[in-house]
Amino acid sequence: MKIIDWYILKRYLATFFVMLLMFVPIGIVIDVSEKINKILANKVPLGITMSYYLDFTIYFANMLFPIFLFISIIWFTSKLANNTEIVAILSSGISFNRFLRPYIIGATFISLLALLMATIIVPKASAGYNDFRYKYLSRDEVRESQNVYKQISPNDFIYVSNFNYNSNMGYNFEMETFKDNKLVAKTQANRIVWNPKTKKYILYDYFRRDLLDNQNEKLDFAQEKEVKLDFDIEDLTPVIYAAETMTLGQLKRFIAKEQMRGSSNINIYLVVLYKKYSVPVSAFILTIIAVSVSSMKRRGGMGINLAIGIALAFTYVFFDKIFGVLAEASSIPPIIAVWLPNFTFSILAIFLLKNARR
């Protein structure tokens, strides 16, 4: 690498991380001002609160990663243009493509960092961030599922008319077991309660019917019975943010299990999976757009470039969020919804790059 490459690469990385250091504390201050009353009212220990804000920092930085990256490149590239440094570089015989090399190297580093964050670090931070909010800040919210019907194994199906996570209690529970497409056992209870100490379920007005091979039946009933059933409480009240808390390997296994069970939330989980790949790729697209927009010296100075950059960055985030929601709530394939913003902005990047070369 030449001196000019190191010069641009250092400015690229330094500006990006300085931008993070500038905006993340602002996000923390705003969050503290909103939640301080609830934190004090619930007497949350200082250590737990500090751990929450560490998780918040990672979660917040990852969520706004495209905006931070885009604005930082616009900022320092506009300064290069205003100081006529870019004109001097291109006038020396260096092509615009060659000028882009340190930017692409920087984008590669940021992309790998984003991939590492998304697959290992962010899931743990997301778990701490969401668990804290649910445990200490949203105690009054009722987490309840209605008419849950799930396949928990190749042969077993469960149903509950409703289940309340706060009380660990559900109603009208049924569990059916099939063999060779024939019903061989059925368990029913008017009420089901999860016992976290014994890791078992308590069934009230319990009734079980087993169909034996000789066409006889075996009946078992009790007013109250504690049994161990092969499913988790999360199967009755699925956490929407569960996929965000898993590493890449865990998420793939989780999605395979939920697909087998016919989960109604499968699109939500697939969106999270595909975004782990699409966000790192966006680093290259946003870098090319930012350089193309800000490499020309404009009459309005750096302010015009920043205005254009901020508008484009928020447009990208807007499209990313909108298509993610559409994939979760409609029939749009998640892979198309997640990658469509990158595809659209890559076309914009090619167009702007051609104009910048001129």
Protein backbone atom coordinates (compact mmCIF):
# COMPACT_ATOMS: atom_id res chain seq x y z
CA MET A 1 0.00 0.00 0.00
CA LYS A 2 1.16 3.52 -0.82
CA ILE A 3 1.22 6.51 1.51
CA ILE A 4 -2.01 7.85 0.00
CA ASP A 5 -3.74 4.52 0.74
CA TRP A 6 -2.68 4.60 4.38
CA TYR A 7 -3.70 8.25 4.62
CA ILE A 8 -7.25 7.63 3.36
CA LEU A 9 -7.65 4.32 5.22
CA LYS A 10 -6.66 5.90 8.55
CA ARG A 11 -9.12 8.74 7.98
CA TYR A 12 -11.83 6.22 6.99
CA LEU A 13 -11.49 4.08 10.12
CA ALA A 14 -10.72 6.92 12.55
CA THR A 15 -13.73 8.99 11.46
CA PHE A 16 -16.05 5.98 11.69
CA PHE A 17 -15.02 5.09 15.24
CA VAL A 18 -15.02 8.75 16.34
CA MET A 19 -18.57 9.01 14.97
CA LEU A 20 -19.54 6.03 17.12
CA LEU A 21 -17.90 7.58 20.19
CA MET A 22 -19.79 10.82 19.55
CA PHE A 23 -23.30 9.47 18.98
CA VAL A 24 -23.44 6.43 21.29
CA PRO A 25 -23.09 8.56 24.48
CA ILE A 26 -25.90 10.78 23.17
CA GLY A 27 -28.09 7.69 22.78
CA ILE A 28 -27.19 6.58 26.32
CA VAL A 29 -28.08 10.00 27.78
CA ILE A 30 -31.45 10.00 26.01
CA ASP A 31 -32.17 6.44 27.16
CA VAL A 32 -31.20 7.26 30.77
CA SER A 33 -33.46 10.32 30.79
CA GLU A 34 -36.39 8.17 29.63
CA LYS A 35 -35.85 5.20 31.96
CA ILE A 36 -34.27 6.64 35.12
CA ASN A 37 -37.59 6.85 36.98
CA LYS A 38 -38.44 3.19 36.36
CA ILE A 39 -34.88 2.09 37.20
CA LEU A 40 -35.03 3.92 40.54
CA ALA A 41 -38.60 2.78 41.25
CA ASN A 42 -37.66 -0.87 40.68
CA LYS A 43 -34.42 -0.46 42.71
CA VAL A 44 -32.27 -1.98 39.98
CA PRO A 45 -28.72 -2.69 41.28
CA LEU A 46 -26.01 -0.44 39.85
CA GLY A 47 -24.01 -3.37 38.46
CA ILE A 48 -27.02 -4.69 36.51
CA THR A 49 -27.77 -1.19 35.20
CA MET A 50 -24.17 -0.72 34.04
CA SER A 51 -24.28 -4.13 32.33
CA TYR A 52 -27.50 -3.08 30.60
CA TYR A 53 -25.92 0.08 29.21
CA LEU A 54 -22.94 -1.89 27.94
CA ASP A 55 -25.38 -4.12 26.07
CA PHE A 56 -27.30 -1.01 24.99
CA THR A 57 -24.12 0.49 23.51
CA ILE A 58 -23.48 -2.59 21.36
CA TYR A 59 -27.15 -2.94 20.40
CA PHE A 60 -27.50 0.77 19.53
CA ALA A 61 -24.25 0.91 17.53
CA ASN A 62 -25.20 -2.19 15.53
CA MET A 63 -28.70 -0.89 14.82
CA LEU A 64 -27.46 2.45 13.45
CA PHE A 65 -24.32 1.05 11.83
CA PRO A 66 -25.29 2.10 8.24
CA ILE A 67 -25.98 5.71 9.30
CA PHE A 68 -22.70 6.03 11.25
CA LEU A 69 -20.69 4.56 8.37
CA PHE A 70 -22.33 6.69 5.71
CA ILE A 71 -22.05 10.00 7.57
CA SER A 72 -18.42 9.37 8.58
CA ILE A 73 -17.36 8.73 4.96
CA ILE A 74 -19.32 11.76 3.72
CA TRP A 75 -17.68 13.89 6.41
CA PHE A 76 -14.01 13.15 5.80
CA THR A 77 -14.30 12.75 2.01
CA SER A 78 -16.03 16.16 1.79
CA LYS A 79 -13.13 17.65 3.76
CA LEU A 80 -10.69 16.11 1.27
CA ALA A 81 -12.70 17.58 -1.60
CA ASN A 82 -12.97 21.05 -0.01
CA ASN A 83 -9.21 21.08 0.56
CA THR A 84 -8.78 20.15 -3.13
CA GLU A 85 -6.85 17.04 -2.04
CA ILE A 86 -8.98 14.79 -4.27
CA VAL A 87 -8.36 17.05 -7.26
CA ALA A 88 -4.62 16.82 -6.61
CA ILE A 89 -4.77 13.02 -6.31
CA LEU A 90 -6.71 12.56 -9.54
CA SER A 91 -4.57 15.16 -11.38
CA SER A 92 -1.45 13.13 -10.57
CA GLY A 93 -2.68 10.39 -12.91
CA ILE A 94 -4.45 8.18 -10.36
CA SER A 95 -7.78 6.90 -11.70
CA PHE A 96 -10.98 7.17 -9.69
CA ASN A 97 -11.08 3.36 -9.35
CA ARG A 98 -7.56 3.42 -7.91
CA PHE A 99 -8.62 6.24 -5.60
CA LEU A 100 -11.42 3.97 -4.32
CA ARG A 101 -9.00 1.18 -3.28
CA PRO A 102 -8.39 2.31 0.35
CA TYR A 103 -12.12 2.87 0.75
CA ILE A 104 -12.82 -0.71 -0.35
CA ILE A 105 -10.12 -2.00 2.02
CA GLY A 106 -11.72 -0.02 4.84
CA ALA A 107 -15.17 -1.33 3.87
CA THR A 108 -13.80 -4.88 3.97
CA PHE A 109 -12.48 -4.36 7.50
CA ILE A 110 -15.78 -2.80 8.65
CA SER A 111 -17.74 -5.56 6.91
CA LEU A 112 -15.79 -8.31 8.69
CA LEU A 113 -16.22 -6.46 11.99
CA ALA A 114 -19.98 -6.16 11.37
CA LEU A 115 -20.18 -9.88 10.55
CA LEU A 116 -18.30 -10.77 13.74
CA MET A 117 -20.56 -8.48 15.75
CA ALA A 118 -23.75 -9.87 14.19
CA THR A 119 -22.84 -13.53 14.68
CA ILE A 120 -21.16 -13.51 18.11
CA ILE A 121 -21.24 -10.24 20.07
CA VAL A 122 -24.59 -8.62 19.24
CA PRO A 123 -26.72 -11.72 20.11
CA LYS A 124 -25.41 -11.69 23.70
CA ALA A 125 -25.90 -7.94 23.95
CA SER A 126 -29.41 -8.24 22.51
CA ALA A 127 -30.32 -10.87 25.11
CA GLY A 128 -29.11 -8.66 27.98
CA TYR A 129 -30.75 -5.56 26.51
CA ASN A 130 -34.18 -7.16 25.96
CA ASP A 131 -34.17 -9.19 29.18
CA PHE A 132 -33.43 -6.06 31.24
CA ARG A 133 -36.22 -4.13 29.57
CA TYR A 134 -38.71 -6.94 30.10
CA LYS A 135 -37.68 -7.70 33.69
CA TYR A 136 -37.29 -4.18 35.09
CA LEU A 137 -38.96 -1.74 32.71
CA SER A 138 -42.05 -3.56 31.40
CA ARG A 139 -43.35 -5.43 34.41
CA ASP A 140 -46.89 -4.26 33.82
CA GLU A 141 -47.03 -5.72 30.32
CA VAL A 142 -48.89 -9.01 29.99
CA ARG A 143 -47.17 -11.52 27.75
CA GLU A 144 -49.85 -13.91 26.56
CA SER A 145 -50.33 -16.32 23.68
CA GLN A 146 -53.66 -17.30 22.16
CA ASN A 147 -54.56 -20.58 20.42
CA VAL A 148 -51.04 -22.02 20.25
CA TYR A 149 -50.83 -25.17 18.13
CA LYS A 150 -47.36 -26.57 17.57
CA GLN A 151 -45.53 -29.64 16.39
CA ILE A 152 -42.84 -30.25 19.01
CA SER A 153 -41.43 -33.45 17.49
CA PRO A 154 -42.08 -35.59 14.40
CA ASN A 155 -44.91 -37.39 16.23
CA ASP A 156 -46.09 -34.98 18.96
CA PHE A 157 -48.40 -31.96 18.76
CA ILE A 158 -49.51 -29.60 21.52
CA TYR A 159 -52.34 -27.09 21.81
CA VAL A 160 -53.27 -24.51 24.45
CA SER A 161 -56.11 -22.00 24.12
CA ASN A 162 -54.08 -19.31 25.91
CA PHE A 163 -50.95 -19.10 28.06
CA ASN A 164 -49.89 -16.24 30.33
CA TYR A 165 -46.12 -15.94 30.77
CA ASN A 166 -46.38 -13.80 33.93
CA SER A 167 -48.36 -16.45 35.81
CA ASN A 168 -46.89 -19.48 33.95
CA MET A 169 -50.45 -20.70 33.47
CA GLY A 170 -52.42 -21.92 30.46
CA TYR A 171 -55.88 -23.32 29.76
CA ASN A 172 -57.42 -26.13 27.68
CA PHE A 173 -54.17 -27.98 27.12
CA GLU A 174 -53.97 -30.93 24.73
CA MET A 175 -51.08 -33.11 23.58
CA GLU A 176 -51.45 -35.68 20.81
CA THR A 177 -49.01 -38.41 19.80
CA PHE A 178 -49.19 -40.10 16.39
CA LYS A 179 -47.57 -43.22 15.00
CA ASP A 180 -47.84 -44.11 11.32
CA ASN A 181 -50.36 -41.30 10.94
CA LYS A 182 -52.59 -42.82 13.63
CA LEU A 183 -53.40 -41.28 16.99
CA VAL A 184 -51.89 -43.46 19.72
CA ALA A 185 -52.08 -41.17 22.79
CA LYS A 186 -53.85 -38.01 23.86
CA THR A 187 -53.34 -35.95 27.03
CA GLN A 188 -55.80 -33.28 28.16
CA ALA A 189 -56.01 -30.82 31.06
CA ASN A 190 -58.25 -27.90 31.84
CA ARG A 191 -55.27 -26.01 33.24
CA ILE A 192 -51.48 -26.31 32.87
CA VAL A 193 -48.93 -24.58 35.14
CA TRP A 194 -45.16 -24.48 34.70
CA ASN A 195 -43.14 -25.20 37.88
CA PRO A 196 -39.71 -23.54 37.43
CA LYS A 197 -38.26 -25.31 40.49
CA THR A 198 -38.92 -28.88 39.36
CA LYS A 199 -38.81 -28.03 35.61
CA LYS A 200 -42.10 -29.89 35.22
CA TYR A 201 -45.71 -29.04 34.37
CA ILE A 202 -48.64 -29.38 36.76
CA LEU A 203 -51.80 -30.54 34.97
CA TYR A 204 -55.19 -29.95 36.61
CA ASP A 205 -58.15 -32.18 35.71
CA TYR A 206 -55.59 -34.40 34.03
CA PHE A 207 -56.78 -37.08 31.59
CA ARG A 208 -54.65 -39.33 29.35
CA ARG A 209 -55.84 -41.92 26.86
CA ASP A 210 -53.46 -44.46 25.28
CA LEU A 211 -54.61 -46.65 22.36
CA LEU A 212 -52.89 -50.02 22.66
CA ASP A 213 -51.98 -52.37 19.80
CA ASN A 214 -54.73 -54.86 20.70
CA GLN A 215 -57.35 -52.11 20.26
CA ASN A 216 -57.70 -51.74 24.01
CA GLU A 217 -57.42 -48.44 25.79
CA LYS A 218 -55.44 -47.36 28.80
CA LEU A 219 -56.93 -44.46 30.75
CA ASP A 220 -55.25 -42.33 33.36
CA PHE A 221 -56.80 -39.39 35.14
CA ALA A 222 -56.18 -37.28 38.20
CA GLN A 223 -57.37 -34.04 39.71
CA GLU A 224 -53.77 -32.77 39.79
CA LYS A 225 -50.62 -34.37 38.37
CA GLU A 226 -47.06 -33.15 37.88
CA VAL A 227 -45.48 -34.51 34.72
CA LYS A 228 -42.36 -33.90 32.66
CA LEU A 229 -43.25 -32.99 29.07
CA ASP A 230 -40.80 -32.73 26.21
CA PHE A 231 -41.23 -29.06 25.30
CA ASP A 232 -40.11 -25.71 26.69
CA ILE A 233 -42.23 -22.96 28.14
CA GLU A 234 -41.01 -20.74 25.29
CA ASP A 235 -42.94 -23.01 22.91
CA LEU A 236 -46.14 -21.77 24.55
CA THR A 237 -45.14 -18.10 24.64
CA PRO A 238 -42.55 -17.60 21.88
CA VAL A 239 -40.32 -14.57 22.40
CA ILE A 240 -40.36 -12.43 19.26
CA TYR A 241 -36.78 -11.29 19.86
CA ALA A 242 -35.51 -14.84 20.50
CA ALA A 243 -33.71 -15.02 17.15
CA GLU A 244 -31.77 -11.83 17.91
CA THR A 245 -30.20 -13.47 20.97
CA MET A 246 -28.67 -16.44 19.13
CA THR A 247 -25.33 -16.94 17.43
CA LEU A 248 -25.34 -17.94 13.77
CA GLY A 249 -25.11 -21.68 14.45
CA GLN A 250 -27.78 -21.55 17.16
CA LEU A 251 -30.08 -19.53 14.92
CA LYS A 252 -29.81 -21.98 12.02
CA ARG A 253 -30.64 -24.92 14.30
CA PHE A 254 -33.46 -22.95 15.89
CA ILE A 255 -34.97 -22.09 12.47
CA ALA A 256 -34.74 -25.73 11.34
CA LYS A 257 -36.61 -26.81 14.47
CA GLU A 258 -39.26 -24.09 14.08
CA GLN A 259 -39.77 -24.98 10.40
CA MET A 260 -40.38 -28.58 11.40
CA ARG A 261 -42.88 -27.37 13.99
CA GLY A 262 -44.66 -25.10 11.54
CA SER A 263 -44.02 -21.95 13.59
CA SER A 264 -46.08 -18.89 12.64
CA ASN A 265 -43.06 -16.67 13.45
CA ILE A 266 -40.69 -18.33 10.99
CA ASN A 267 -40.46 -15.23 8.76
CA ILE A 268 -39.32 -13.13 11.73
CA TYR A 269 -36.49 -15.57 12.41
CA LEU A 270 -35.48 -15.74 8.73
CA VAL A 271 -35.30 -11.94 8.51
CA VAL A 272 -32.86 -11.92 11.44
CA LEU A 273 -30.76 -14.66 9.77
CA TYR A 274 -30.51 -12.93 6.39
CA LYS A 275 -29.70 -9.57 7.96
CA LYS A 276 -26.60 -11.08 9.53
CA TYR A 277 -25.25 -11.33 5.97
CA SER A 278 -26.90 -8.33 4.30
CA VAL A 279 -25.69 -5.69 6.79
CA PRO A 280 -21.95 -6.46 6.26
CA VAL A 281 -22.47 -6.33 2.47
CA SER A 282 -24.14 -2.92 2.83
CA ALA A 283 -20.77 -1.53 4.00
CA PHE A 284 -19.43 -1.77 0.44
CA ILE A 285 -22.57 -0.30 -1.16
CA LEU A 286 -22.78 2.61 1.25
CA THR A 287 -19.07 3.31 0.93
CA ILE A 288 -19.26 3.62 -2.87
CA ILE A 289 -22.36 5.85 -2.67
CA ALA A 290 -20.79 8.08 -0.01
CA VAL A 291 -17.54 8.54 -1.92
CA SER A 292 -19.36 9.22 -5.19
CA VAL A 293 -21.58 11.85 -3.56
CA SER A 294 -18.90 13.66 -1.55
CA SER A 295 -15.81 13.48 -3.79
CA MET A 296 -16.86 16.56 -5.78
CA LYS A 297 -16.32 20.05 -4.44
CA ARG A 298 -19.72 21.76 -4.33
CA ARG A 299 -20.69 25.39 -4.14
CA GLY A 300 -22.56 24.84 -0.85
CA GLY A 301 -19.51 23.22 0.72
CA MET A 302 -19.57 20.29 3.12
CA GLY A 303 -23.10 21.10 4.31
CA ILE A 304 -24.65 20.08 1.00
CA ASN A 305 -22.78 16.76 0.99
CA LEU A 306 -23.81 16.04 4.57
CA ALA A 307 -27.45 16.86 3.81
CA ILE A 308 -27.42 14.51 0.82
CA GLY A 309 -25.60 11.84 2.82
CA ILE A 310 -27.94 11.98 5.81
CA ALA A 311 -30.99 11.86 3.50
CA LEU A 312 -29.64 8.80 1.66
CA ALA A 313 -28.60 7.06 4.90
CA PHE A 314 -32.02 7.49 6.50
CA THR A 315 -33.69 6.42 3.25
CA TYR A 316 -31.65 3.20 3.31
CA VAL A 317 -32.55 2.52 6.95
CA PHE A 318 -36.21 3.33 6.22
CA PHE A 319 -36.35 0.87 3.30
CA ASP A 320 -34.50 -1.74 5.35
CA LYS A 321 -36.98 -1.51 8.23
CA ILE A 322 -40.09 -1.31 6.02
CA PHE A 323 -39.22 -4.37 3.95
CA GLY A 324 -38.22 -6.26 7.10
CA VAL A 325 -41.67 -5.59 8.61
CA LEU A 326 -43.39 -6.55 5.35
CA ALA A 327 -41.52 -9.86 5.30
CA GLU A 328 -42.59 -10.58 8.87
CA ALA A 329 -46.25 -9.69 8.35
CA SER A 330 -46.96 -10.68 4.74
CA SER A 331 -46.22 -13.26 2.08
CA ILE A 332 -43.09 -11.50 0.74
CA PRO A 333 -40.19 -14.00 0.90
CA PRO A 334 -37.84 -12.85 3.69
CA ILE A 335 -34.71 -13.27 1.56
CA ILE A 336 -36.13 -10.89 -1.08
CA ALA A 337 -37.32 -8.35 1.49
CA VAL A 338 -33.94 -8.30 3.28
CA TRP A 339 -31.78 -8.06 0.17
CA LEU A 340 -34.01 -5.71 -1.87
CA PRO A 341 -32.68 -2.50 -0.20
CA ASN A 342 -29.09 -3.61 -0.91
CA PHE A 343 -29.99 -4.46 -4.51
CA THR A 344 -31.75 -1.12 -5.03
CA PHE A 345 -28.95 0.91 -3.50
CA SER A 346 -26.31 -1.05 -5.41
CA ILE A 347 -27.94 0.17 -8.65
CA LEU A 348 -27.81 3.70 -7.23
CA ALA A 349 -24.15 3.16 -6.31
CA ILE A 350 -23.27 2.11 -9.88
CA PHE A 351 -25.08 5.16 -11.30
CA LEU A 352 -23.38 7.61 -8.92
CA LEU A 353 -19.99 5.99 -9.45
CA LYS A 354 -20.24 6.43 -13.22
CA ASN A 355 -21.09 10.11 -12.77
CA ALA A 356 -18.25 10.60 -10.27
CA ARG A 357 -15.72 9.14 -12.73
CA ARG A 358 -16.56 11.89 -15.18
